[in-house]
Amino acid sequence: MSNTKKTLSRTSQNILKIGTFSCIRCGLTVPAAAGDGTRRNHCPSCLHSQHVHDHVEGGPSDCQGRMSPIAIAVLRTGDWMVIHRCIRCDELTSNPVCADDNQLILMRVAVRPLAQPPFPLETFGDL
């Protein structure tokens, strides 16, 4: 019976190792599947990811850099996408927002352009 328990334990540990990844920024152990069953590639807590697939022809393949969330895009369908930029090679990628992503950080990223416009807000007083 003890052999069965050891086998189950090893199997469970392997599944956990395969089905999770560690966040490159905050270190959180993240399940590879989101709460709704979709595959995720970014941390639900801080929204950072790791650059593992190069989509730019001739780019530095699999540079392993940290992908920082820089913007939110909304598709015609109404689905939100997180736009990431690699801090090593500057490649941009988009990834679907998952149901269990940190809503506060999503909103912070979404409103950042309004909070930091490229012009002084005082100019609106003159209009």
N, C-alpha and C. Protein backbone atom coordinates (compact mmCIF):
# COMPACT_ATOMS: atom_id res chain seq x y z
N MET A 1 0.80 -1.19 0.00
CA MET A 1 0.00 0.00 0.00
C MET A 1 0.86 1.27 0.00
N SER A 2 1.97 1.24 0.68
CA SER A 2 2.83 2.41 0.72
C SER A 2 3.39 2.73 -0.67
N ASN A 3 3.62 1.69 -1.52
CA ASN A 3 4.06 1.94 -2.89
C ASN A 3 3.01 2.70 -3.69
N THR A 4 1.75 2.36 -3.48
CA THR A 4 0.66 3.05 -4.18
C THR A 4 0.62 4.52 -3.79
N LYS A 5 0.75 4.81 -2.51
CA LYS A 5 0.74 6.19 -2.05
C LYS A 5 1.92 6.97 -2.64
N LYS A 6 3.09 6.35 -2.69
CA LYS A 6 4.25 7.02 -3.26
C LYS A 6 4.04 7.30 -4.75
N THR A 7 3.47 6.34 -5.46
CA THR A 7 3.21 6.51 -6.89
C THR A 7 2.21 7.64 -7.12
N LEU A 8 1.14 7.66 -6.32
CA LEU A 8 0.15 8.72 -6.46
C LEU A 8 0.77 10.07 -6.15
N SER A 9 1.58 10.11 -5.13
CA SER A 9 2.23 11.35 -4.76
C SER A 9 3.15 11.84 -5.88
N ARG A 10 3.93 10.95 -6.44
CA ARG A 10 4.82 11.34 -7.54
C ARG A 10 4.02 11.81 -8.74
N THR A 11 2.95 11.09 -9.05
CA THR A 11 2.11 11.47 -10.18
C THR A 11 1.50 12.84 -9.94
N SER A 12 1.01 13.09 -8.75
CA SER A 12 0.42 14.38 -8.44
C SER A 12 1.46 15.49 -8.54
N GLN A 13 2.66 15.23 -8.06
CA GLN A 13 3.70 16.24 -8.14
C GLN A 13 4.06 16.54 -9.58
N ASN A 14 4.14 15.51 -10.44
CA ASN A 14 4.46 15.73 -11.84
C ASN A 14 3.38 16.54 -12.54
N ILE A 15 2.14 16.26 -12.24
CA ILE A 15 1.04 17.00 -12.83
C ILE A 15 1.11 18.45 -12.39
N LEU A 16 1.39 18.66 -11.12
CA LEU A 16 1.50 20.02 -10.62
C LEU A 16 2.64 20.76 -11.31
N LYS A 17 3.76 20.09 -11.49
CA LYS A 17 4.90 20.74 -12.13
C LYS A 17 4.60 21.06 -13.59
N ILE A 18 3.94 20.16 -14.30
CA ILE A 18 3.63 20.36 -15.70
C ILE A 18 2.53 21.40 -15.87
N GLY A 19 1.56 21.42 -14.98
CA GLY A 19 0.40 22.28 -15.11
C GLY A 19 0.55 23.66 -14.50
N THR A 20 1.77 24.02 -14.07
CA THR A 20 1.98 25.33 -13.46
C THR A 20 3.25 25.96 -14.01
N PHE A 21 3.39 27.25 -13.75
CA PHE A 21 4.64 27.94 -14.03
C PHE A 21 4.83 29.01 -12.97
N SER A 22 6.04 29.45 -12.78
CA SER A 22 6.34 30.51 -11.80
C SER A 22 6.40 31.83 -12.53
N CYS A 23 5.77 32.84 -11.95
CA CYS A 23 5.79 34.18 -12.54
C CYS A 23 7.21 34.72 -12.51
N ILE A 24 7.65 35.25 -13.62
CA ILE A 24 9.00 35.79 -13.75
C ILE A 24 9.18 37.07 -12.94
N ARG A 25 8.07 37.75 -12.60
CA ARG A 25 8.17 39.00 -11.85
C ARG A 25 7.91 38.82 -10.35
N CYS A 26 6.75 38.24 -10.01
CA CYS A 26 6.38 38.17 -8.59
C CYS A 26 6.62 36.80 -7.96
N GLY A 27 6.95 35.78 -8.77
CA GLY A 27 7.26 34.46 -8.23
C GLY A 27 6.06 33.59 -7.89
N LEU A 28 4.86 34.07 -8.14
CA LEU A 28 3.65 33.30 -7.85
C LEU A 28 3.63 32.02 -8.68
N THR A 29 3.24 30.91 -8.08
CA THR A 29 3.04 29.68 -8.84
C THR A 29 1.66 29.76 -9.48
N VAL A 30 1.63 29.73 -10.81
CA VAL A 30 0.42 30.00 -11.57
C VAL A 30 -0.03 28.75 -12.30
N PRO A 31 -1.31 28.38 -12.21
CA PRO A 31 -1.80 27.25 -13.01
C PRO A 31 -1.82 27.64 -14.49
N ALA A 32 -1.41 26.72 -15.35
CA ALA A 32 -1.37 26.99 -16.79
C ALA A 32 -2.76 27.11 -17.38
N ALA A 33 -3.76 26.63 -16.67
CA ALA A 33 -5.15 26.76 -17.13
C ALA A 33 -5.86 27.76 -16.22
N ALA A 34 -6.57 28.69 -16.84
CA ALA A 34 -7.34 29.68 -16.08
C ALA A 34 -8.55 29.01 -15.45
N GLY A 35 -9.25 29.74 -14.62
CA GLY A 35 -10.44 29.21 -13.94
C GLY A 35 -11.50 28.71 -14.89
N ASP A 36 -11.60 29.33 -16.08
CA ASP A 36 -12.61 28.91 -17.05
C ASP A 36 -12.10 27.82 -17.99
N GLY A 37 -10.87 27.31 -17.73
CA GLY A 37 -10.34 26.20 -18.52
C GLY A 37 -9.47 26.62 -19.70
N THR A 38 -9.41 27.91 -20.01
CA THR A 38 -8.58 28.36 -21.13
C THR A 38 -7.12 28.37 -20.71
N ARG A 39 -6.25 28.22 -21.69
CA ARG A 39 -4.80 28.21 -21.43
C ARG A 39 -4.32 29.64 -21.18
N ARG A 40 -3.50 29.81 -20.18
CA ARG A 40 -2.99 31.15 -19.87
C ARG A 40 -1.47 31.16 -20.04
N ASN A 41 -0.93 32.34 -20.31
CA ASN A 41 0.51 32.48 -20.41
C ASN A 41 1.04 33.65 -19.59
N HIS A 42 0.19 34.25 -18.78
CA HIS A 42 0.63 35.37 -17.94
C HIS A 42 0.11 35.18 -16.52
N CYS A 43 0.75 35.88 -15.60
CA CYS A 43 0.40 35.79 -14.18
C CYS A 43 -0.93 36.52 -13.94
N PRO A 44 -1.89 35.89 -13.26
CA PRO A 44 -3.16 36.57 -12.99
C PRO A 44 -3.03 37.66 -11.93
N SER A 45 -1.95 37.65 -11.17
CA SER A 45 -1.76 38.62 -10.11
C SER A 45 -1.14 39.92 -10.62
N CYS A 46 -0.02 39.83 -11.36
CA CYS A 46 0.68 41.04 -11.82
C CYS A 46 0.61 41.23 -13.33
N LEU A 47 0.06 40.27 -14.06
CA LEU A 47 -0.14 40.30 -15.52
C LEU A 47 1.15 40.19 -16.33
N HIS A 48 2.29 39.95 -15.70
CA HIS A 48 3.54 39.79 -16.43
C HIS A 48 3.64 38.38 -17.00
N SER A 49 4.48 38.23 -18.02
CA SER A 49 4.65 36.97 -18.70
C SER A 49 6.13 36.80 -19.02
N GLN A 50 6.48 35.67 -19.63
CA GLN A 50 7.85 35.45 -20.06
C GLN A 50 7.87 35.25 -21.56
N HIS A 51 8.83 35.87 -22.22
CA HIS A 51 8.94 35.80 -23.68
C HIS A 51 9.53 34.44 -24.07
N VAL A 52 8.70 33.56 -24.58
CA VAL A 52 9.17 32.24 -24.96
C VAL A 52 8.98 31.94 -26.44
N HIS A 53 8.20 32.73 -27.15
CA HIS A 53 7.99 32.51 -28.58
C HIS A 53 8.23 33.82 -29.32
N ASP A 54 9.16 33.81 -30.25
CA ASP A 54 9.47 34.99 -31.03
C ASP A 54 8.59 34.96 -32.28
N HIS A 55 7.82 36.01 -32.49
CA HIS A 55 6.93 36.08 -33.64
C HIS A 55 7.45 37.02 -34.72
N VAL A 56 8.60 37.63 -34.49
CA VAL A 56 9.18 38.55 -35.46
C VAL A 56 10.24 37.81 -36.26
N GLU A 57 10.10 37.83 -37.58
CA GLU A 57 11.06 37.14 -38.42
C GLU A 57 12.45 37.74 -38.24
N GLY A 58 13.41 36.88 -37.98
CA GLY A 58 14.79 37.32 -37.77
C GLY A 58 15.05 37.85 -36.38
N GLY A 59 14.06 37.79 -35.49
CA GLY A 59 14.21 38.30 -34.13
C GLY A 59 14.98 37.33 -33.25
N PRO A 60 15.35 37.77 -32.06
CA PRO A 60 16.09 36.90 -31.13
C PRO A 60 15.16 35.85 -30.55
N SER A 61 15.13 34.69 -31.14
CA SER A 61 14.18 33.65 -30.78
C SER A 61 14.28 33.25 -29.32
N ASP A 62 13.13 33.20 -28.68
CA ASP A 62 13.02 32.73 -27.30
C ASP A 62 14.01 33.44 -26.37
N CYS A 63 13.95 34.74 -26.31
CA CYS A 63 14.92 35.51 -25.54
C CYS A 63 14.72 35.37 -24.03
N GLN A 64 13.59 34.82 -23.59
CA GLN A 64 13.30 34.57 -22.18
C GLN A 64 13.18 35.86 -21.36
N GLY A 65 12.99 37.00 -22.01
CA GLY A 65 12.82 38.26 -21.30
C GLY A 65 11.47 38.35 -20.62
N ARG A 66 11.34 39.31 -19.73
CA ARG A 66 10.06 39.54 -19.04
C ARG A 66 9.16 40.36 -19.95
N MET A 67 7.93 39.92 -20.09
CA MET A 67 6.92 40.61 -20.88
C MET A 67 6.08 41.46 -19.92
N SER A 68 6.19 42.78 -20.05
CA SER A 68 5.46 43.69 -19.17
C SER A 68 4.14 44.11 -19.81
N PRO A 69 3.06 44.15 -19.03
CA PRO A 69 1.78 44.62 -19.58
C PRO A 69 1.85 46.13 -19.79
N ILE A 70 1.59 46.58 -21.01
CA ILE A 70 1.70 48.01 -21.30
C ILE A 70 0.38 48.65 -21.71
N ALA A 71 -0.58 47.83 -22.14
CA ALA A 71 -1.85 48.40 -22.61
C ALA A 71 -2.92 47.32 -22.63
N ILE A 72 -4.15 47.78 -22.81
CA ILE A 72 -5.30 46.89 -23.01
C ILE A 72 -5.90 47.24 -24.36
N ALA A 73 -6.20 46.22 -25.13
CA ALA A 73 -6.88 46.42 -26.41
C ALA A 73 -8.23 45.71 -26.33
N VAL A 74 -9.22 46.29 -26.96
CA VAL A 74 -10.55 45.69 -26.98
C VAL A 74 -10.87 45.30 -28.42
N LEU A 75 -11.15 44.02 -28.63
CA LEU A 75 -11.47 43.53 -29.96
C LEU A 75 -12.89 43.91 -30.35
N ARG A 76 -13.22 43.77 -31.61
CA ARG A 76 -14.59 44.07 -32.08
C ARG A 76 -15.63 43.23 -31.37
N THR A 77 -15.22 42.05 -30.92
CA THR A 77 -16.13 41.16 -30.21
C THR A 77 -16.38 41.61 -28.78
N GLY A 78 -15.59 42.59 -28.31
CA GLY A 78 -15.70 43.06 -26.94
C GLY A 78 -14.72 42.38 -26.00
N ASP A 79 -13.98 41.39 -26.49
CA ASP A 79 -12.99 40.70 -25.67
C ASP A 79 -11.80 41.61 -25.42
N TRP A 80 -11.27 41.57 -24.20
CA TRP A 80 -10.10 42.36 -23.83
C TRP A 80 -8.84 41.54 -24.06
N MET A 81 -7.79 42.22 -24.51
CA MET A 81 -6.48 41.62 -24.72
C MET A 81 -5.45 42.44 -23.93
N VAL A 82 -4.51 41.75 -23.31
CA VAL A 82 -3.39 42.42 -22.64
C VAL A 82 -2.27 42.53 -23.67
N ILE A 83 -1.76 43.74 -23.84
CA ILE A 83 -0.63 43.95 -24.74
C ILE A 83 0.64 43.94 -23.89
N HIS A 84 1.56 43.06 -24.25
CA HIS A 84 2.83 42.92 -23.53
C HIS A 84 3.97 43.40 -24.42
N ARG A 85 5.00 43.97 -23.77
CA ARG A 85 6.25 44.32 -24.47
C ARG A 85 7.39 43.64 -23.73
N CYS A 86 8.25 42.96 -24.52
CA CYS A 86 9.42 42.30 -23.95
C CYS A 86 10.44 43.36 -23.55
N ILE A 87 10.96 43.25 -22.32
CA ILE A 87 11.93 44.25 -21.86
C ILE A 87 13.31 44.02 -22.46
N ARG A 88 13.54 42.86 -23.07
CA ARG A 88 14.83 42.59 -23.71
C ARG A 88 14.85 42.96 -25.18
N CYS A 89 13.84 42.53 -25.93
CA CYS A 89 13.89 42.71 -27.39
C CYS A 89 12.80 43.64 -27.92
N ASP A 90 11.93 44.17 -27.06
CA ASP A 90 10.86 45.11 -27.42
C ASP A 90 9.74 44.53 -28.29
N GLU A 91 9.70 43.20 -28.46
CA GLU A 91 8.60 42.62 -29.24
C GLU A 91 7.28 42.83 -28.50
N LEU A 92 6.23 43.12 -29.26
CA LEU A 92 4.88 43.26 -28.71
C LEU A 92 4.08 42.00 -28.98
N THR A 93 3.28 41.59 -28.00
CA THR A 93 2.36 40.46 -28.18
C THR A 93 1.03 40.83 -27.55
N SER A 94 0.00 40.10 -27.92
CA SER A 94 -1.31 40.28 -27.28
C SER A 94 -1.79 38.94 -26.79
N ASN A 95 -2.43 38.95 -25.63
CA ASN A 95 -2.93 37.73 -25.01
C ASN A 95 -4.30 38.01 -24.41
N PRO A 96 -5.22 37.07 -24.53
CA PRO A 96 -6.56 37.29 -23.98
C PRO A 96 -6.53 37.46 -22.47
N VAL A 97 -7.38 38.34 -21.97
CA VAL A 97 -7.56 38.50 -20.54
C VAL A 97 -8.30 37.26 -20.03
N CYS A 98 -7.86 36.72 -18.91
CA CYS A 98 -8.51 35.57 -18.30
C CYS A 98 -9.48 36.04 -17.22
N ALA A 99 -10.48 35.23 -16.95
CA ALA A 99 -11.53 35.60 -16.00
C ALA A 99 -11.00 35.89 -14.61
N ASP A 100 -9.91 35.24 -14.21
CA ASP A 100 -9.39 35.43 -12.86
C ASP A 100 -8.21 36.38 -12.79
N ASP A 101 -7.97 37.17 -13.85
CA ASP A 101 -6.90 38.18 -13.81
C ASP A 101 -7.25 39.28 -12.82
N ASN A 102 -6.23 39.88 -12.24
CA ASN A 102 -6.38 40.95 -11.25
C ASN A 102 -7.09 42.15 -11.91
N GLN A 103 -8.32 42.39 -11.49
CA GLN A 103 -9.14 43.44 -12.12
C GLN A 103 -8.59 44.83 -11.85
N LEU A 104 -8.02 45.05 -10.68
CA LEU A 104 -7.46 46.36 -10.36
C LEU A 104 -6.29 46.69 -11.30
N ILE A 105 -5.39 45.73 -11.51
CA ILE A 105 -4.26 45.98 -12.40
C ILE A 105 -4.73 46.12 -13.84
N LEU A 106 -5.72 45.34 -14.25
CA LEU A 106 -6.27 45.50 -15.59
C LEU A 106 -6.78 46.93 -15.81
N MET A 107 -7.50 47.46 -14.83
CA MET A 107 -8.03 48.83 -14.96
C MET A 107 -6.91 49.86 -14.92
N ARG A 108 -5.90 49.63 -14.09
CA ARG A 108 -4.76 50.56 -14.05
C ARG A 108 -4.08 50.64 -15.41
N VAL A 109 -3.88 49.49 -16.04
CA VAL A 109 -3.24 49.46 -17.35
C VAL A 109 -4.15 50.12 -18.39
N ALA A 110 -5.46 49.87 -18.29
CA ALA A 110 -6.41 50.41 -19.27
C ALA A 110 -6.52 51.93 -19.21
N VAL A 111 -6.47 52.52 -18.01
CA VAL A 111 -6.66 53.97 -17.89
C VAL A 111 -5.35 54.75 -17.87
N ARG A 112 -4.22 54.06 -17.91
CA ARG A 112 -2.93 54.75 -17.86
C ARG A 112 -2.81 55.86 -18.91
N PRO A 113 -3.23 55.66 -20.16
CA PRO A 113 -3.12 56.75 -21.13
C PRO A 113 -3.95 57.98 -20.75
N LEU A 114 -5.07 57.79 -20.07
CA LEU A 114 -5.89 58.92 -19.64
C LEU A 114 -5.27 59.64 -18.45
N ALA A 115 -4.59 58.88 -17.60
CA ALA A 115 -3.97 59.47 -16.41
C ALA A 115 -2.65 60.16 -16.74
N GLN A 116 -2.03 59.78 -17.84
CA GLN A 116 -0.74 60.36 -18.22
C GLN A 116 -0.76 60.78 -19.69
N PRO A 117 -1.57 61.79 -20.04
CA PRO A 117 -1.65 62.19 -21.45
C PRO A 117 -0.36 62.88 -21.90
N PRO A 118 -0.10 62.92 -23.21
CA PRO A 118 1.14 63.51 -23.72
C PRO A 118 1.07 65.04 -23.80
N PHE A 119 0.07 65.64 -23.18
CA PHE A 119 -0.11 67.09 -23.19
C PHE A 119 -0.62 67.51 -21.81
N PRO A 120 -0.46 68.76 -21.43
CA PRO A 120 -0.94 69.21 -20.11
C PRO A 120 -2.47 69.27 -20.09
N LEU A 121 -3.07 68.76 -19.03
CA LEU A 121 -4.51 68.75 -18.92
C LEU A 121 -5.08 70.16 -18.77
N GLU A 122 -4.26 71.12 -18.37
CA GLU A 122 -4.71 72.49 -18.19
C GLU A 122 -5.20 73.09 -19.51
N THR A 123 -4.76 72.56 -20.64
CA THR A 123 -5.19 73.12 -21.93
C THR A 123 -6.69 72.98 -22.14
N PHE A 124 -7.33 72.02 -21.45
CA PHE A 124 -8.78 71.88 -21.58
C PHE A 124 -9.52 73.06 -20.97
N GLY A 125 -8.92 73.72 -19.99
CA GLY A 125 -9.54 74.89 -19.37
C GLY A 125 -9.64 76.06 -20.33
N ASP A 126 -8.79 76.10 -21.34
CA ASP A 126 -8.77 77.19 -22.32
C ASP A 126 -9.75 76.96 -23.47
N LEU A 127 -10.32 75.80 -23.58
CA LEU A 127 -11.21 75.51 -24.73
C LEU A 127 -12.59 76.03 -24.56
